[in-house]
């Protein structure tokens, strides 16, 4: 988890949220200031949209 997220906040993110975070940061190498194109929203993608704004 990013250091900007408190343990309490991290505990509230379900498995799908963690999967989205790994896809964005660790696999996609997303860096601060970069943009993400989201082509559809539902389930994991909704969480991805929220996480990319952190």
PDB file of N, CA and C in Angstrom:
ATOM      1  N   UNK A   1       0.829  -1.180   0.000  1.00  0.00           N
ATOM      2  CA  UNK A   1       0.000   0.000   0.000  1.00  0.00           C
ATOM      3  C   UNK A   1       0.876   1.248   0.000  1.00  0.00           C
ATOM      4  N   UNK A   2       0.419   2.294  -0.638  1.00  0.00           N
ATOM      5  CA  UNK A   2       1.176   3.547  -0.606  1.00  0.00           C
ATOM      6  C   UNK A   2       1.278   4.087   0.818  1.00  0.00           C
ATOM      7  N   UNK A   3       2.336   4.799   1.101  1.00  0.00           N
ATOM      8  CA  UNK A   3       2.521   5.353   2.448  1.00  0.00           C
ATOM      9  C   UNK A   3       1.524   6.461   2.747  1.00  0.00           C
ATOM     10  N   UNK A   4       0.830   6.968   1.738  1.00  0.00           N
ATOM     11  CA  UNK A   4      -0.161   8.022   1.958  1.00  0.00           C
ATOM     12  C   UNK A   4      -1.483   7.482   2.489  1.00  0.00           C
ATOM     13  N   UNK A   5      -1.635   6.164   2.514  1.00  0.00           N
ATOM     14  CA  UNK A   5      -2.862   5.542   3.008  1.00  0.00           C
ATOM     15  C   UNK A   5      -2.617   5.024   4.419  1.00  0.00           C
ATOM     16  N   UNK A   6      -3.492   5.413   5.336  1.00  0.00           N
ATOM     17  CA  UNK A   6      -3.357   4.955   6.721  1.00  0.00           C
ATOM     18  C   UNK A   6      -3.722   3.473   6.806  1.00  0.00           C
ATOM     19  N   UNK A   7      -3.251   2.774   7.856  1.00  0.00           N
ATOM     20  CA  UNK A   7      -3.621   1.368   8.026  1.00  0.00           C
ATOM     21  C   UNK A   7      -5.138   1.167   8.084  1.00  0.00           C
ATOM     22  N   UNK A   8      -5.853   2.100   8.698  1.00  0.00           N
ATOM     23  CA  UNK A   8      -7.311   1.994   8.782  1.00  0.00           C
ATOM     24  C   UNK A   8      -7.942   2.069   7.394  1.00  0.00           C
ATOM     25  N   UNK A   9      -7.468   2.992   6.568  1.00  0.00           N
ATOM     26  CA  UNK A   9      -7.982   3.103   5.203  1.00  0.00           C
ATOM     27  C   UNK A   9      -7.604   1.871   4.386  1.00  0.00           C
ATOM     28  N   UNK A  10      -6.396   1.400   4.543  1.00  0.00           N
ATOM     29  CA  UNK A  10      -5.940   0.229   3.792  1.00  0.00           C
ATOM     30  C   UNK A  10      -6.763  -1.007   4.135  1.00  0.00           C
ATOM     31  N   UNK A  11      -7.153  -1.131   5.405  1.00  0.00           N
ATOM     32  CA  UNK A  11      -7.941  -2.289   5.827  1.00  0.00           C
ATOM     33  C   UNK A  11      -9.331  -2.283   5.202  1.00  0.00           C
ATOM     34  N   UNK A  12      -9.802  -1.119   4.786  1.00  0.00           N
ATOM     35  CA  UNK A  12     -11.148  -1.032   4.220  1.00  0.00           C
ATOM     36  C   UNK A  12     -11.177  -1.290   2.715  1.00  0.00           C
ATOM     37  N   UNK A  13     -10.027  -1.391   2.078  1.00  0.00           N
ATOM     38  CA  UNK A  13      -9.983  -1.644   0.635  1.00  0.00           C
ATOM     39  C   UNK A  13     -10.084  -3.152   0.406  1.00  0.00           C
ATOM     40  N   UNK A  14     -11.120  -3.587  -0.318  1.00  0.00           N
ATOM     41  CA  UNK A  14     -11.274  -5.021  -0.567  1.00  0.00           C
ATOM     42  C   UNK A  14     -10.208  -5.555  -1.528  1.00  0.00           C
ATOM     43  N   UNK A  15     -10.218  -6.836  -1.707  1.00  0.00           N
ATOM     44  CA  UNK A  15      -9.243  -7.505  -2.577  1.00  0.00           C
ATOM     45  C   UNK A  15      -9.245  -6.900  -3.983  1.00  0.00           C
ATOM     46  N   UNK A  16     -10.416  -6.550  -4.488  1.00  0.00           N
ATOM     47  CA  UNK A  16     -10.494  -5.959  -5.833  1.00  0.00           C
ATOM     48  C   UNK A  16      -9.737  -4.640  -5.897  1.00  0.00           C
ATOM     49  N   UNK A  17      -9.812  -3.873  -4.824  1.00  0.00           N
ATOM     50  CA  UNK A  17      -9.091  -2.602  -4.779  1.00  0.00           C
ATOM     51  C   UNK A  17      -7.595  -2.803  -4.800  1.00  0.00           C
ATOM     52  N   UNK A  18      -7.133  -3.808  -4.087  1.00  0.00           N
ATOM     53  CA  UNK A  18      -5.703  -4.114  -4.074  1.00  0.00           C
ATOM     54  C   UNK A  18      -5.250  -4.574  -5.456  1.00  0.00           C
ATOM     55  N   UNK A  19      -6.081  -5.354  -6.115  1.00  0.00           N
ATOM     56  CA  UNK A  19      -5.766  -5.803  -7.472  1.00  0.00           C
ATOM     57  C   UNK A  19      -5.640  -4.611  -8.420  1.00  0.00           C
ATOM     58  N   UNK A  20      -6.563  -3.653  -8.303  1.00  0.00           N
ATOM     59  CA  UNK A  20      -6.513  -2.455  -9.146  1.00  0.00           C
ATOM     60  C   UNK A  20      -5.262  -1.638  -8.853  1.00  0.00           C
ATOM     61  N   UNK A  21      -4.904  -1.520  -7.581  1.00  0.00           N
ATOM     62  CA  UNK A  21      -3.716  -0.759  -7.194  1.00  0.00           C
ATOM     63  C   UNK A  21      -2.450  -1.391  -7.766  1.00  0.00           C
ATOM     64  N   UNK A  22      -2.348  -2.701  -7.671  1.00  0.00           N
ATOM     65  CA  UNK A  22      -1.188  -3.407  -8.221  1.00  0.00           C
ATOM     66  C   UNK A  22      -1.122  -3.197  -9.735  1.00  0.00           C
ATOM     67  N   UNK A  23      -2.276  -3.255 -10.401  1.00  0.00           N
ATOM     68  CA  UNK A  23      -2.299  -3.056 -11.850  1.00  0.00           C
ATOM     69  C   UNK A  23      -1.825  -1.659 -12.229  1.00  0.00           C
ATOM     70  N   UNK A  24      -2.255  -0.658 -11.470  1.00  0.00           N
ATOM     71  CA  UNK A  24      -1.890   0.727 -11.785  1.00  0.00           C
ATOM     72  C   UNK A  24      -0.433   1.039 -11.498  1.00  0.00           C
ATOM     73  N   UNK A  25       0.006   0.737 -10.303  1.00  0.00           N
ATOM     74  CA  UNK A  25       1.315   1.197  -9.840  1.00  0.00           C
ATOM     75  C   UNK A  25       2.440   0.217 -10.144  1.00  0.00           C
ATOM     76  N   UNK A  26       2.239  -1.039  -9.818  1.00  0.00           N
ATOM     77  CA  UNK A  26       3.341  -1.995  -9.931  1.00  0.00           C
ATOM     78  C   UNK A  26       3.472  -2.593 -11.324  1.00  0.00           C
ATOM     79  N   UNK A  27       2.359  -2.908 -11.961  1.00  0.00           N
ATOM     80  CA  UNK A  27       2.422  -3.465 -13.315  1.00  0.00           C
ATOM     81  C   UNK A  27       2.425  -2.361 -14.374  1.00  0.00           C
ATOM     82  N   UNK A  28       1.602  -1.327 -14.160  1.00  0.00           N
ATOM     83  CA  UNK A  28       1.491  -0.245 -15.132  1.00  0.00           C
ATOM     84  C   UNK A  28       2.521   0.852 -14.960  1.00  0.00           C
ATOM     85  N   UNK A  29       3.274   0.807 -13.848  1.00  0.00           N
ATOM     86  CA  UNK A  29       4.320   1.809 -13.569  1.00  0.00           C
ATOM     87  C   UNK A  29       3.763   3.242 -13.563  1.00  0.00           C
ATOM     88  N   UNK A  30       2.512   3.414 -13.100  1.00  0.00           N
ATOM     89  CA  UNK A  30       1.890   4.730 -13.035  1.00  0.00           C
ATOM     90  C   UNK A  30       2.619   5.604 -12.026  1.00  0.00           C
ATOM     91  N   UNK A  31       2.882   6.831 -12.424  1.00  0.00           N
ATOM     92  CA  UNK A  31       3.579   7.784 -11.560  1.00  0.00           C
ATOM     93  C   UNK A  31       2.689   8.996 -11.316  1.00  0.00           C
ATOM     94  N   UNK A  32       2.968   9.716 -10.252  1.00  0.00           N
ATOM     95  CA  UNK A  32       2.209  10.906  -9.897  1.00  0.00           C
ATOM     96  C   UNK A  32       2.198  11.891 -11.063  1.00  0.00           C
ATOM     97  N   UNK A  33       1.025  12.425 -11.365  1.00  0.00           N
ATOM     98  CA  UNK A  33       0.885  13.385 -12.449  1.00  0.00           C
ATOM     99  C   UNK A  33       0.488  12.767 -13.777  1.00  0.00           C
ATOM    100  N   UNK A  34       0.629  11.448 -13.924  1.00  0.00           N
ATOM    101  CA  UNK A  34       0.232  10.782 -15.158  1.00  0.00           C
ATOM    102  C   UNK A  34      -1.280  10.591 -15.176  1.00  0.00           C
ATOM    103  N   UNK A  35      -1.824  10.385 -16.356  1.00  0.00           N
ATOM    104  CA  UNK A  35      -3.262  10.183 -16.520  1.00  0.00           C
ATOM    105  C   UNK A  35      -3.561   8.744 -16.887  1.00  0.00           C
ATOM    106  N   UNK A  36      -4.792   8.344 -16.586  1.00  0.00           N
ATOM    107  CA  UNK A  36      -5.252   6.991 -16.870  1.00  0.00           C
ATOM    108  C   UNK A  36      -6.522   7.080 -17.708  1.00  0.00           C
ATOM    109  N   UNK A  37      -6.593   6.333 -18.795  1.00  0.00           N
ATOM    110  CA  UNK A  37      -7.802   6.250 -19.604  1.00  0.00           C
ATOM    111  C   UNK A  37      -8.602   5.047 -19.125  1.00  0.00           C
ATOM    112  N   UNK A  38      -9.819   5.288 -18.665  1.00  0.00           N
ATOM    113  CA  UNK A  38     -10.707   4.223 -18.199  1.00  0.00           C
ATOM    114  C   UNK A  38     -11.822   4.094 -19.231  1.00  0.00           C
ATOM    115  N   UNK A  39     -11.952   2.921 -19.834  1.00  0.00           N
ATOM    116  CA  UNK A  39     -12.926   2.735 -20.909  1.00  0.00           C
ATOM    117  C   UNK A  39     -14.256   2.184 -20.428  1.00  0.00           C
ATOM    118  N   UNK A  40     -14.332   1.722 -19.213  1.00  0.00           N
ATOM    119  CA  UNK A  40     -15.577   1.188 -18.672  1.00  0.00           C
ATOM    120  C   UNK A  40     -15.503   1.176 -17.160  1.00  0.00           C
ATOM    121  N   UNK A  41     -16.663   1.254 -16.505  1.00  0.00           N
ATOM    122  CA  UNK A  41     -16.658   1.311 -15.044  1.00  0.00           C
ATOM    123  C   UNK A  41     -17.607   0.266 -14.489  1.00  0.00           C
ATOM    124  N   UNK A  42     -17.111  -0.507 -13.532  1.00  0.00           N
ATOM    125  CA  UNK A  42     -17.909  -1.504 -12.824  1.00  0.00           C
ATOM    126  C   UNK A  42     -16.991  -2.381 -12.011  1.00  0.00           C
ATOM    127  N   UNK A  43     -17.348  -2.622 -10.774  1.00  0.00           N
ATOM    128  CA  UNK A  43     -16.560  -3.503  -9.913  1.00  0.00           C
ATOM    129  C   UNK A  43     -15.150  -3.008  -9.696  1.00  0.00           C
ATOM    130  N   UNK A  44     -14.181  -3.784 -10.159  1.00  0.00           N
ATOM    131  CA  UNK A  44     -12.767  -3.464  -9.973  1.00  0.00           C
ATOM    132  C   UNK A  44     -12.415  -2.146 -10.652  1.00  0.00           C
ATOM    133  N   UNK A  45     -12.987  -1.886 -11.806  1.00  0.00           N
ATOM    134  CA  UNK A  45     -12.659  -0.659 -12.531  1.00  0.00           C
ATOM    135  C   UNK A  45     -13.116   0.572 -11.762  1.00  0.00           C
ATOM    136  N   UNK A  46     -14.258   0.481 -11.074  1.00  0.00           N
ATOM    137  CA  UNK A  46     -14.712   1.600 -10.247  1.00  0.00           C
ATOM    138  C   UNK A  46     -13.691   1.890  -9.160  1.00  0.00           C
ATOM    139  N   UNK A  47     -13.190   0.858  -8.499  1.00  0.00           N
ATOM    140  CA  UNK A  47     -12.162   1.046  -7.475  1.00  0.00           C
ATOM    141  C   UNK A  47     -10.879   1.594  -8.089  1.00  0.00           C
ATOM    142  N   UNK A  48     -10.532   1.138  -9.275  1.00  0.00           N
ATOM    143  CA  UNK A  48      -9.354   1.651  -9.957  1.00  0.00           C
ATOM    144  C   UNK A  48      -9.488   3.158 -10.175  1.00  0.00           C
ATOM    145  N   UNK A  49     -10.687   3.600 -10.574  1.00  0.00           N
ATOM    146  CA  UNK A  49     -10.928   5.038 -10.778  1.00  0.00           C
ATOM    147  C   UNK A  49     -10.705   5.811  -9.492  1.00  0.00           C
ATOM    148  N   UNK A  50     -11.188   5.297  -8.383  1.00  0.00           N
ATOM    149  CA  UNK A  50     -11.031   5.973  -7.100  1.00  0.00           C
ATOM    150  C   UNK A  50      -9.569   5.962  -6.653  1.00  0.00           C
ATOM    151  N   UNK A  51      -8.896   4.844  -6.798  1.00  0.00           N
ATOM    152  CA  UNK A  51      -7.510   4.723  -6.341  1.00  0.00           C
ATOM    153  C   UNK A  51      -6.567   5.599  -7.159  1.00  0.00           C
ATOM    154  N   UNK A  52      -6.824   5.760  -8.430  1.00  0.00           N
ATOM    155  CA  UNK A  52      -5.901   6.540  -9.258  1.00  0.00           C
ATOM    156  C   UNK A  52      -5.928   8.009  -8.888  1.00  0.00           C
ATOM    157  N   UNK A  53      -6.929   8.431  -8.115  1.00  0.00           N
ATOM    158  CA  UNK A  53      -6.992   9.820  -7.660  1.00  0.00           C
ATOM    159  C   UNK A  53      -6.304  10.040  -6.326  1.00  0.00           C
ATOM    160  N   UNK A  54      -5.774   8.994  -5.700  1.00  0.00           N
ATOM    161  CA  UNK A  54      -5.101   9.151  -4.400  1.00  0.00           C
ATOM    162  C   UNK A  54      -3.779   9.854  -4.552  1.00  0.00           C
TER     163      UNK A  54
END
